[in-house]
Amino acid sequence: MVLAALPTPRVFHVPKDPMEQYTDTEFQLRYRVRKHTVMRLCYLIGNYITPETHRNQSISALNQILIALRFLATGAFQILLGDDMNVHKSTICRIIQKVIPRIAALSNEFIYMPRNTLEIAETKRDFNSIAGFPSVIGCIDGTHIKIQSPGGENAERYRNRKSYFSYNVQVVCNKNLRIMDIVARWPGSTHDRRIFNASALHLRFMQGEFSNCFLLADNAYQQKKFILTPILNPQDVAQVRYNAAHVKTRNCIERCFGVFKRRFPVLALGFRTKTETTLAAIVAAAVLH
C-alpha cells in the first residue's frame, strides 16, 4: 500500500511593523520620508490599495506603502525586500506594481509650476536673490536614470552617450530644489532639446502662460525668448557677468539631481523592473521629493 504524501502546510509570516520598530530618525534613514508622510500617503491612496478581505494574512495599505518606499529607498532585489518585511518576493512584485503608480498619480497635486501671479512673483524673487538674475521661473535640465536593456529591436535607442541604457528624464526645479515639472518617458539617446520641444511645458510657454518669465538651461537647449543659455564666447564685461550669474543661479538644478538621487538611491543604482513600473517609480520619487 502506497501512502500519499501529505501536502506541505502553508506558512504565513507576520509582516514587521517599522512604524513601531524604529525611532523617527531610524525610520527616515530607512524609508527616506518621515512617518507623518507615510500616514498622509495612507490617507491619499489607502482606499485604492486596501485588501478587500483579511484572508490569508492580507497586507495592509500601510505595509504596502512601506514596501514601495523601501524599494525606492534601496533599489534592492525583491527577494531582499521580502526578507526585510517577511513577505514573499512574488507578493513584493505585485505590491510595487500596484502602489507605485498610485503614488505617481498624485503628481498633479505635488508637482506643478507656479499657478498664479503671486506664486510666479515669489519664485522670481527667490531666484533673483541668488545672483541678481531677473525674471527666472525655473532651472531645467535632463538626467539619466539607468535601466537594464529593454531588449527588442529598439533597445539601442535607450543607450545613452555614456554607453549604458537609460531614460533621459527632464526636470524643472525652483530655488528650494522642489521639482515643478518632470517628463519621464524618453529613451536615453534622446537629446534634451527634443524632449523639451515635445513637452507640455514648452507648449505652455509658447501660448504665453508664463509671460516675461525665463527658464535657465545649459547649451544642450536652444536659446529662445523664454529659454536662456550661457554665452559661449563672452566678449565684454557684461557678458562675463551674465554667464557668472547664469551659472550660479542654474546650479539649483544640479543640486536638485544630487539630492534627488541620494534620497532615493534606486534612481542612481538603476531599475530592473518593467517599463511601466520604472517610469511610474521615477515620477513617484519626484512626488515624494
C-alpha atoms as a PDB file:
ATOM      1  CA  MET A   1       0.000   0.000   0.000  1.00  0.00           C
ATOM      2  CA  VAL A   2       1.444   3.371  -1.096  1.00  0.00           C
ATOM      3  CA  LEU A   3       0.754   6.282   1.196  1.00  0.00           C
ATOM      4  CA  ALA A   4       0.143   9.655  -0.458  1.00  0.00           C
ATOM      5  CA  ALA A   5       2.495  12.432   0.601  1.00  0.00           C
ATOM      6  CA  LEU A   6       0.923  14.975   2.844  1.00  0.00           C
ATOM      7  CA  PRO A   7       0.672  18.459   1.341  1.00  0.00           C
ATOM      8  CA  THR A   8       3.135  20.996   2.654  1.00  0.00           C
ATOM      9  CA  PRO A   9       1.293  23.295   5.047  1.00  0.00           C
ATOM     10  CA  ARG A  10       1.188  26.968   4.069  1.00  0.00           C
ATOM     11  CA  VAL A  11       3.180  29.227   6.338  1.00  0.00           C
ATOM     12  CA  PHE A  12       2.062  32.805   6.880  1.00  0.00           C
ATOM     13  CA  HIS A  13       4.645  35.217   8.195  1.00  0.00           C
ATOM     14  CA  VAL A  14       3.581  38.224  10.186  1.00  0.00           C
ATOM     15  CA  PRO A  15       4.893  41.388   8.487  1.00  0.00           C
ATOM     16  CA  LYS A  16       7.138  43.627  10.544  1.00  0.00           C
ATOM     17  CA  ASP A  17       5.849  46.945  11.851  1.00  0.00           C
ATOM     18  CA  PRO A  18       8.578  49.527  11.098  1.00  0.00           C
ATOM     19  CA  MET A  19       6.370  52.357  12.376  1.00  0.00           C
ATOM     20  CA  GLU A  20       6.723  50.923  15.887  1.00  0.00           C
ATOM     21  CA  GLN A  21      10.089  49.249  15.469  1.00  0.00           C
ATOM     22  CA  TYR A  22      12.126  52.344  14.561  1.00  0.00           C
ATOM     23  CA  THR A  23      12.552  55.811  16.011  1.00  0.00           C
ATOM     24  CA  ASP A  24      11.717  58.772  13.775  1.00  0.00           C
ATOM     25  CA  THR A  25      15.372  59.177  12.769  1.00  0.00           C
ATOM     26  CA  GLU A  26      15.886  55.469  12.125  1.00  0.00           C
ATOM     27  CA  PHE A  27      12.671  55.327  10.123  1.00  0.00           C
ATOM     28  CA  GLN A  28      13.579  58.275   7.891  1.00  0.00           C
ATOM     29  CA  LEU A  29      17.035  56.790   7.282  1.00  0.00           C
ATOM     30  CA  ARG A  30      15.489  53.550   6.020  1.00  0.00           C
ATOM     31  CA  TYR A  31      12.431  54.857   4.157  1.00  0.00           C
ATOM     32  CA  ARG A  32      13.607  58.353   3.142  1.00  0.00           C
ATOM     33  CA  VAL A  33      10.430  60.014   4.359  1.00  0.00           C
ATOM     34  CA  ARG A  34       9.006  60.818   7.778  1.00  0.00           C
ATOM     35  CA  LYS A  35       6.319  58.789   9.482  1.00  0.00           C
ATOM     36  CA  HIS A  36       3.707  61.514   9.060  1.00  0.00           C
ATOM     37  CA  THR A  37       4.342  61.424   5.290  1.00  0.00           C
ATOM     38  CA  VAL A  38       3.530  57.718   5.292  1.00  0.00           C
ATOM     39  CA  MET A  39       0.300  58.386   7.150  1.00  0.00           C
ATOM     40  CA  ARG A  40      -0.597  61.089   4.635  1.00  0.00           C
ATOM     41  CA  LEU A  41       0.009  58.636   1.814  1.00  0.00           C
ATOM     42  CA  CYS A  42      -2.302  56.194   3.557  1.00  0.00           C
ATOM     43  CA  TYR A  43      -4.966  58.886   3.603  1.00  0.00           C
ATOM     44  CA  LEU A  44      -4.461  59.755  -0.078  1.00  0.00           C
ATOM     45  CA  ILE A  45      -4.188  56.314  -1.663  1.00  0.00           C
ATOM     46  CA  GLY A  46      -5.198  53.871   1.064  1.00  0.00           C
ATOM     47  CA  ASN A  47      -8.684  53.297  -0.349  1.00  0.00           C
ATOM     48  CA  TYR A  48      -7.193  52.163  -3.668  1.00  0.00           C
ATOM     49  CA  ILE A  49      -4.819  49.551  -2.229  1.00  0.00           C
ATOM     50  CA  THR A  50      -6.569  48.264   0.910  1.00  0.00           C
ATOM     51  CA  PRO A  51      -7.242  44.491   0.588  1.00  0.00           C
ATOM     52  CA  GLU A  52     -10.892  43.622   0.047  1.00  0.00           C
ATOM     53  CA  THR A  53     -10.698  40.844   2.645  1.00  0.00           C
ATOM     54  CA  HIS A  54      -8.413  39.858   5.509  1.00  0.00           C
ATOM     55  CA  ARG A  55      -7.980  36.277   4.336  1.00  0.00           C
ATOM     56  CA  ASN A  56      -4.534  34.676   4.049  1.00  0.00           C
ATOM     57  CA  GLN A  57      -2.850  37.323   6.182  1.00  0.00           C
ATOM     58  CA  SER A  58      -3.512  40.080   3.628  1.00  0.00           C
ATOM     59  CA  ILE A  59      -1.113  43.007   3.772  1.00  0.00           C
ATOM     60  CA  SER A  60      -2.464  46.316   4.999  1.00  0.00           C
ATOM     61  CA  ALA A  61      -2.333  49.513   2.959  1.00  0.00           C
ATOM     62  CA  LEU A  62       0.247  50.880   5.412  1.00  0.00           C
ATOM     63  CA  ASN A  63       2.632  47.957   4.947  1.00  0.00           C
ATOM     64  CA  GLN A  64       2.159  48.036   1.173  1.00  0.00           C
ATOM     65  CA  ILE A  65       3.214  51.686   1.161  1.00  0.00           C
ATOM     66  CA  LEU A  66       6.228  50.865   3.336  1.00  0.00           C
ATOM     67  CA  ILE A  67       7.290  48.138   0.915  1.00  0.00           C
ATOM     68  CA  ALA A  68       7.031  50.554  -2.032  1.00  0.00           C
ATOM     69  CA  LEU A  69       9.031  53.181  -0.145  1.00  0.00           C
ATOM     70  CA  ARG A  70      11.690  50.641   0.783  1.00  0.00           C
ATOM     71  CA  PHE A  71      12.012  49.770  -2.905  1.00  0.00           C
ATOM     72  CA  LEU A  72      12.623  53.425  -3.809  1.00  0.00           C
ATOM     73  CA  ALA A  73      14.978  53.877  -0.857  1.00  0.00           C
ATOM     74  CA  THR A  74      17.223  50.925  -1.685  1.00  0.00           C
ATOM     75  CA  GLY A  75      16.679  49.605  -5.205  1.00  0.00           C
ATOM     76  CA  ALA A  76      17.241  46.159  -3.707  1.00  0.00           C
ATOM     77  CA  PHE A  77      16.173  42.901  -5.311  1.00  0.00           C
ATOM     78  CA  GLN A  78      12.598  41.990  -4.485  1.00  0.00           C
ATOM     79  CA  ILE A  79      13.680  38.872  -2.603  1.00  0.00           C
ATOM     80  CA  LEU A  80      15.677  41.079  -0.228  1.00  0.00           C
ATOM     81  CA  LEU A  81      12.705  43.415   0.233  1.00  0.00           C
ATOM     82  CA  GLY A  82      10.608  40.353   1.007  1.00  0.00           C
ATOM     83  CA  ASP A  83      13.063  39.175   3.646  1.00  0.00           C
ATOM     84  CA  ASP A  84      13.025  42.647   5.160  1.00  0.00           C
ATOM     85  CA  MET A  85       9.236  42.643   5.580  1.00  0.00           C
ATOM     86  CA  ASN A  86       8.636  38.871   5.933  1.00  0.00           C
ATOM     87  CA  VAL A  87       6.747  38.828   2.623  1.00  0.00           C
ATOM     88  CA  HIS A  88       7.260  36.538  -0.392  1.00  0.00           C
ATOM     89  CA  LYS A  89       9.045  38.116  -3.360  1.00  0.00           C
ATOM     90  CA  SER A  90       6.095  37.490  -5.704  1.00  0.00           C
ATOM     91  CA  THR A  91       3.884  39.475  -3.333  1.00  0.00           C
ATOM     92  CA  ILE A  92       6.503  42.230  -3.239  1.00  0.00           C
ATOM     93  CA  CYS A  93       6.374  42.412  -7.036  1.00  0.00           C
ATOM     94  CA  ARG A  94       2.593  42.750  -7.080  1.00  0.00           C
ATOM     95  CA  ILE A  95       2.639  45.402  -4.358  1.00  0.00           C
ATOM     96  CA  ILE A  96       5.237  47.516  -6.162  1.00  0.00           C
ATOM     97  CA  GLN A  97       3.250  47.328  -9.404  1.00  0.00           C
ATOM     98  CA  LYS A  98       0.103  48.397  -7.564  1.00  0.00           C
ATOM     99  CA  VAL A  99       1.340  51.059  -5.119  1.00  0.00           C
ATOM    100  CA  ILE A 100       3.998  52.896  -7.139  1.00  0.00           C
ATOM    101  CA  PRO A 101       1.568  54.032  -9.897  1.00  0.00           C
ATOM    102  CA  ARG A 102      -0.859  55.251  -7.230  1.00  0.00           C
ATOM    103  CA  ILE A 103       1.838  57.472  -5.734  1.00  0.00           C
ATOM    104  CA  ALA A 104       2.820  58.686  -9.206  1.00  0.00           C
ATOM    105  CA  ALA A 105      -0.825  59.565  -9.898  1.00  0.00           C
ATOM    106  CA  LEU A 106      -0.523  62.265  -7.207  1.00  0.00           C
ATOM    107  CA  SER A 107       1.854  64.226  -9.460  1.00  0.00           C
ATOM    108  CA  ASN A 108      -0.689  66.911 -10.392  1.00  0.00           C
ATOM    109  CA  GLU A 109      -1.157  67.686  -6.713  1.00  0.00           C
ATOM    110  CA  PHE A 110       2.516  67.919  -5.774  1.00  0.00           C
ATOM    111  CA  ILE A 111       4.444  68.660  -8.985  1.00  0.00           C
ATOM    112  CA  TYR A 112       3.402  71.937 -10.579  1.00  0.00           C
ATOM    113  CA  MET A 113       4.760  75.173 -11.978  1.00  0.00           C
ATOM    114  CA  PRO A 114       3.762  78.437 -10.250  1.00  0.00           C
ATOM    115  CA  ARG A 115      -0.010  78.598 -10.587  1.00  0.00           C
ATOM    116  CA  ASN A 116      -0.811  82.289 -10.217  1.00  0.00           C
ATOM    117  CA  THR A 117       0.792  85.737 -10.291  1.00  0.00           C
ATOM    118  CA  LEU A 118       1.602  85.595  -6.586  1.00  0.00           C
ATOM    119  CA  GLU A 119       3.478  82.296  -6.884  1.00  0.00           C
ATOM    120  CA  ILE A 120       5.236  83.479 -10.046  1.00  0.00           C
ATOM    121  CA  ALA A 121       6.410  86.664  -8.336  1.00  0.00           C
ATOM    122  CA  GLU A 122       7.620  84.701  -5.306  1.00  0.00           C
ATOM    123  CA  THR A 123       9.568  82.271  -7.488  1.00  0.00           C
ATOM    124  CA  LYS A 124      11.193  85.138  -9.386  1.00  0.00           C
ATOM    125  CA  ARG A 125      12.229  86.823  -6.109  1.00  0.00           C
ATOM    126  CA  ASP A 126      13.764  83.588  -4.857  1.00  0.00           C
ATOM    127  CA  PHE A 127      15.896  83.137  -7.963  1.00  0.00           C
ATOM    128  CA  ASN A 128      16.816  86.826  -8.087  1.00  0.00           C
ATOM    129  CA  SER A 129      18.187  86.586  -4.551  1.00  0.00           C
ATOM    130  CA  ILE A 130      20.848  84.090  -5.669  1.00  0.00           C
ATOM    131  CA  ALA A 131      22.824  86.215  -8.133  1.00  0.00           C
ATOM    132  CA  GLY A 132      20.566  89.063  -9.221  1.00  0.00           C
ATOM    133  CA  PHE A 133      19.276  87.245 -12.334  1.00  0.00           C
ATOM    134  CA  PRO A 134      15.801  88.701 -13.039  1.00  0.00           C
ATOM    135  CA  SER A 135      12.535  87.020 -14.091  1.00  0.00           C
ATOM    136  CA  VAL A 136      13.725  83.409 -13.694  1.00  0.00           C
ATOM    137  CA  ILE A 137      10.880  80.987 -13.039  1.00  0.00           C
ATOM    138  CA  GLY A 138      12.836  77.721 -13.103  1.00  0.00           C
ATOM    139  CA  CYS A 139      16.010  75.851 -13.993  1.00  0.00           C
ATOM    140  CA  ILE A 140      15.766  72.984 -16.468  1.00  0.00           C
ATOM    141  CA  ASP A 141      17.965  70.030 -17.351  1.00  0.00           C
ATOM    142  CA  GLY A 142      17.903  66.310 -18.066  1.00  0.00           C
ATOM    143  CA  THR A 143      19.324  63.459 -16.025  1.00  0.00           C
ATOM    144  CA  HIS A 144      19.832  59.830 -16.973  1.00  0.00           C
ATOM    145  CA  ILE A 145      18.180  57.070 -14.928  1.00  0.00           C
ATOM    146  CA  LYS A 146      19.884  53.732 -15.529  1.00  0.00           C
ATOM    147  CA  ILE A 147      17.851  50.691 -16.607  1.00  0.00           C
ATOM    148  CA  GLN A 148      18.613  47.185 -17.785  1.00  0.00           C
ATOM    149  CA  SER A 149      18.455  46.606 -21.535  1.00  0.00           C
ATOM    150  CA  PRO A 150      14.784  46.595 -22.587  1.00  0.00           C
ATOM    151  CA  GLY A 151      15.582  44.152 -25.392  1.00  0.00           C
ATOM    152  CA  GLY A 152      13.857  44.076 -28.754  1.00  0.00           C
ATOM    153  CA  GLU A 153      14.575  45.926 -31.970  1.00  0.00           C
ATOM    154  CA  ASN A 154      14.563  49.367 -30.323  1.00  0.00           C
ATOM    155  CA  ALA A 155      16.894  48.551 -27.433  1.00  0.00           C
ATOM    156  CA  GLU A 156      19.734  50.717 -28.769  1.00  0.00           C
ATOM    157  CA  ARG A 157      17.514  53.803 -28.560  1.00  0.00           C
ATOM    158  CA  TYR A 158      17.923  53.503 -24.800  1.00  0.00           C
ATOM    159  CA  ARG A 159      21.724  53.507 -24.892  1.00  0.00           C
ATOM    160  CA  ASN A 160      22.914  56.997 -23.995  1.00  0.00           C
ATOM    161  CA  ARG A 161      26.119  58.817 -24.921  1.00  0.00           C
ATOM    162  CA  LYS A 162      27.861  57.211 -21.923  1.00  0.00           C
ATOM    163  CA  SER A 163      27.046  53.784 -23.374  1.00  0.00           C
ATOM    164  CA  TYR A 164      24.621  52.483 -20.759  1.00  0.00           C
ATOM    165  CA  PHE A 165      20.849  52.014 -21.067  1.00  0.00           C
ATOM    166  CA  SER A 166      18.737  54.740 -19.503  1.00  0.00           C
ATOM    167  CA  TYR A 167      15.792  57.076 -19.617  1.00  0.00           C
ATOM    168  CA  ASN A 168      16.560  60.751 -20.151  1.00  0.00           C
ATOM    169  CA  VAL A 169      14.362  62.474 -17.568  1.00  0.00           C
ATOM    170  CA  GLN A 170      13.689  66.209 -17.883  1.00  0.00           C
ATOM    171  CA  VAL A 171      13.193  68.183 -14.674  1.00  0.00           C
ATOM    172  CA  VAL A 172      12.431  71.803 -13.815  1.00  0.00           C
ATOM    173  CA  CYS A 173      13.132  72.902 -10.241  1.00  0.00           C
ATOM    174  CA  ASN A 174      12.893  76.065  -8.158  1.00  0.00           C
ATOM    175  CA  LYS A 175      15.442  77.650  -5.838  1.00  0.00           C
ATOM    176  CA  ASN A 176      14.490  75.312  -2.988  1.00  0.00           C
ATOM    177  CA  LEU A 177      15.096  72.230  -5.194  1.00  0.00           C
ATOM    178  CA  ARG A 178      11.381  71.440  -5.404  1.00  0.00           C
ATOM    179  CA  ILE A 179      10.543  69.623  -8.640  1.00  0.00           C
ATOM    180  CA  MET A 180       7.991  71.719 -10.534  1.00  0.00           C
ATOM    181  CA  ASP A 181       7.847  69.720 -13.759  1.00  0.00           C
ATOM    182  CA  ILE A 182       9.051  66.286 -14.821  1.00  0.00           C
ATOM    183  CA  VAL A 183       8.988  64.384 -18.112  1.00  0.00           C
ATOM    184  CA  ALA A 184       9.879  60.706 -17.709  1.00  0.00           C
ATOM    185  CA  ARG A 185       9.320  58.672 -20.852  1.00  0.00           C
ATOM    186  CA  TRP A 186      12.125  59.320 -23.362  1.00  0.00           C
ATOM    187  CA  PRO A 187      14.904  56.798 -24.193  1.00  0.00           C
ATOM    188  CA  GLY A 188      18.432  57.681 -23.122  1.00  0.00           C
ATOM    189  CA  SER A 189      19.618  58.560 -26.637  1.00  0.00           C
ATOM    190  CA  THR A 190      17.048  61.374 -26.953  1.00  0.00           C
ATOM    191  CA  HIS A 191      18.510  64.882 -26.947  1.00  0.00           C
ATOM    192  CA  ASP A 192      17.453  67.307 -24.187  1.00  0.00           C
ATOM    193  CA  ARG A 193      16.293  69.834 -26.769  1.00  0.00           C
ATOM    194  CA  ARG A 194      13.913  67.375 -28.404  1.00  0.00           C
ATOM    195  CA  ILE A 195      12.408  66.383 -25.053  1.00  0.00           C
ATOM    196  CA  PHE A 196      11.652  69.981 -24.158  1.00  0.00           C
ATOM    197  CA  ASN A 197      10.276  70.892 -27.587  1.00  0.00           C
ATOM    198  CA  ALA A 198       7.831  67.975 -27.368  1.00  0.00           C
ATOM    199  CA  SER A 199       6.789  68.686 -23.778  1.00  0.00           C
ATOM    200  CA  ALA A 200       3.559  70.196 -22.485  1.00  0.00           C
ATOM    201  CA  LEU A 201       5.636  72.829 -20.660  1.00  0.00           C
ATOM    202  CA  HIS A 202       7.076  74.086 -23.945  1.00  0.00           C
ATOM    203  CA  LEU A 203       3.537  74.487 -25.291  1.00  0.00           C
ATOM    204  CA  ARG A 204       2.501  76.417 -22.188  1.00  0.00           C
ATOM    205  CA  PHE A 205       5.367  78.861 -22.727  1.00  0.00           C
ATOM    206  CA  MET A 206       4.564  79.163 -26.421  1.00  0.00           C
ATOM    207  CA  GLN A 207       0.953  80.018 -25.563  1.00  0.00           C
ATOM    208  CA  GLY A 208       2.145  82.828 -23.285  1.00  0.00           C
ATOM    209  CA  GLU A 209       1.068  81.301 -19.974  1.00  0.00           C
ATOM    210  CA  PHE A 210       4.336  82.435 -18.376  1.00  0.00           C
ATOM    211  CA  SER A 211       4.894  85.831 -19.962  1.00  0.00           C
ATOM    212  CA  ASN A 212       8.087  87.704 -19.076  1.00  0.00           C
ATOM    213  CA  CYS A 213       9.465  84.565 -17.416  1.00  0.00           C
ATOM    214  CA  PHE A 214      12.620  82.605 -18.225  1.00  0.00           C
ATOM    215  CA  LEU A 215      13.949  79.105 -17.769  1.00  0.00           C
ATOM    216  CA  LEU A 216      17.707  78.789 -17.326  1.00  0.00           C
ATOM    217  CA  ALA A 217      19.302  75.916 -19.252  1.00  0.00           C
ATOM    218  CA  ASP A 218      22.695  74.723 -20.426  1.00  0.00           C
ATOM    219  CA  ASN A 219      23.820  74.764 -24.045  1.00  0.00           C
ATOM    220  CA  ALA A 220      22.083  71.457 -24.798  1.00  0.00           C
ATOM    221  CA  TYR A 221      18.937  73.571 -25.136  1.00  0.00           C
ATOM    222  CA  GLN A 222      18.113  76.044 -27.863  1.00  0.00           C
ATOM    223  CA  GLN A 223      18.116  79.711 -26.921  1.00  0.00           C
ATOM    224  CA  LYS A 224      14.571  81.053 -27.121  1.00  0.00           C
ATOM    225  CA  LYS A 225      12.637  84.040 -25.860  1.00  0.00           C
ATOM    226  CA  PHE A 226      11.839  82.037 -22.706  1.00  0.00           C
ATOM    227  CA  ILE A 227      14.994  79.830 -22.560  1.00  0.00           C
ATOM    228  CA  LEU A 228      18.274  81.479 -21.590  1.00  0.00           C
ATOM    229  CA  THR A 229      21.556  79.610 -22.082  1.00  0.00           C
ATOM    230  CA  PRO A 230      25.169  80.643 -21.369  1.00  0.00           C
ATOM    231  CA  ILE A 231      27.053  82.794 -23.879  1.00  0.00           C
ATOM    232  CA  LEU A 232      29.705  80.550 -25.424  1.00  0.00           C
ATOM    233  CA  ASN A 233      32.338  83.224 -26.097  1.00  0.00           C
ATOM    234  CA  PRO A 234      31.677  86.286 -23.910  1.00  0.00           C
ATOM    235  CA  GLN A 235      33.108  89.430 -25.489  1.00  0.00           C
ATOM    236  CA  ASP A 236      32.755  92.041 -22.773  1.00  0.00           C
ATOM    237  CA  VAL A 237      32.316  92.512 -19.039  1.00  0.00           C
ATOM    238  CA  ALA A 238      28.513  92.472 -19.257  1.00  0.00           C
ATOM    239  CA  GLN A 239      28.522  89.068 -20.958  1.00  0.00           C
ATOM    240  CA  VAL A 240      31.000  87.689 -18.424  1.00  0.00           C
ATOM    241  CA  ARG A 241      28.758  88.895 -15.608  1.00  0.00           C
ATOM    242  CA  TYR A 242      25.735  87.359 -17.363  1.00  0.00           C
ATOM    243  CA  ASN A 243      27.468  83.987 -17.549  1.00  0.00           C
ATOM    244  CA  ALA A 244      28.548  84.145 -13.918  1.00  0.00           C
ATOM    245  CA  ALA A 245      25.026  84.944 -12.728  1.00  0.00           C
ATOM    246  CA  HIS A 246      23.615  82.272 -15.036  1.00  0.00           C
ATOM    247  CA  VAL A 247      25.923  79.538 -13.720  1.00  0.00           C
ATOM    248  CA  LYS A 248      25.368  80.465 -10.077  1.00  0.00           C
ATOM    249  CA  THR A 249      21.587  80.544 -10.475  1.00  0.00           C
ATOM    250  CA  ARG A 250      21.324  77.404 -12.621  1.00  0.00           C
ATOM    251  CA  ASN A 251      23.319  75.447 -10.059  1.00  0.00           C
ATOM    252  CA  CYS A 252      19.960  74.712  -8.398  1.00  0.00           C
ATOM    253  CA  ILE A 253      19.105  72.006 -10.932  1.00  0.00           C
ATOM    254  CA  GLU A 254      22.453  70.249 -10.473  1.00  0.00           C
ATOM    255  CA  ARG A 255      21.982  70.200  -6.719  1.00  0.00           C
ATOM    256  CA  CYS A 256      18.389  69.047  -7.186  1.00  0.00           C
ATOM    257  CA  PHE A 257      19.557  65.973  -9.111  1.00  0.00           C
ATOM    258  CA  GLY A 258      22.194  65.227  -6.492  1.00  0.00           C
ATOM    259  CA  VAL A 259      19.771  65.429  -3.589  1.00  0.00           C
ATOM    260  CA  PHE A 260      17.050  63.563  -5.509  1.00  0.00           C
ATOM    261  CA  LYS A 261      19.286  60.586  -6.325  1.00  0.00           C
ATOM    262  CA  ARG A 262      20.859  60.414  -2.882  1.00  0.00           C
ATOM    263  CA  ARG A 263      17.468  60.457  -1.246  1.00  0.00           C
ATOM    264  CA  PHE A 264      16.126  57.644  -3.450  1.00  0.00           C
ATOM    265  CA  PRO A 265      19.178  55.511  -4.347  1.00  0.00           C
ATOM    266  CA  VAL A 266      17.239  53.360  -6.818  1.00  0.00           C
ATOM    267  CA  LEU A 267      17.463  56.368  -9.174  1.00  0.00           C
ATOM    268  CA  ALA A 268      21.257  56.180  -9.073  1.00  0.00           C
ATOM    269  CA  LEU A 269      21.643  52.398  -8.930  1.00  0.00           C
ATOM    270  CA  GLY A 270      19.166  51.729 -11.729  1.00  0.00           C
ATOM    271  CA  PHE A 271      15.960  49.783 -12.319  1.00  0.00           C
ATOM    272  CA  ARG A 272      15.374  46.127 -13.150  1.00  0.00           C
ATOM    273  CA  THR A 273      11.595  46.452 -13.382  1.00  0.00           C
ATOM    274  CA  LYS A 274       9.178  46.594 -16.309  1.00  0.00           C
ATOM    275  CA  THR A 275       8.973  49.814 -18.309  1.00  0.00           C
ATOM    276  CA  GLU A 276       5.626  50.902 -16.846  1.00  0.00           C
ATOM    277  CA  THR A 277       6.800  50.331 -13.280  1.00  0.00           C
ATOM    278  CA  THR A 278      10.130  52.078 -13.884  1.00  0.00           C
ATOM    279  CA  LEU A 279       8.579  55.244 -15.296  1.00  0.00           C
ATOM    280  CA  ALA A 280       5.947  55.325 -12.562  1.00  0.00           C
ATOM    281  CA  ALA A 281       8.661  54.893  -9.918  1.00  0.00           C
ATOM    282  CA  ILE A 282      10.622  57.883 -11.243  1.00  0.00           C
ATOM    283  CA  VAL A 283       7.544  60.095 -11.036  1.00  0.00           C
ATOM    284  CA  ALA A 284       6.568  58.627  -7.652  1.00  0.00           C
ATOM    285  CA  ALA A 285      10.001  59.512  -6.286  1.00  0.00           C
ATOM    286  CA  ALA A 286       9.536  63.066  -7.591  1.00  0.00           C
ATOM    287  CA  VAL A 287       6.167  63.281  -5.840  1.00  0.00           C
ATOM    288  CA  LEU A 288       7.722  62.150  -2.548  1.00  0.00           C
ATOM    289  CA  HIS A 289      10.673  64.505  -3.010  1.00  0.00           C
END
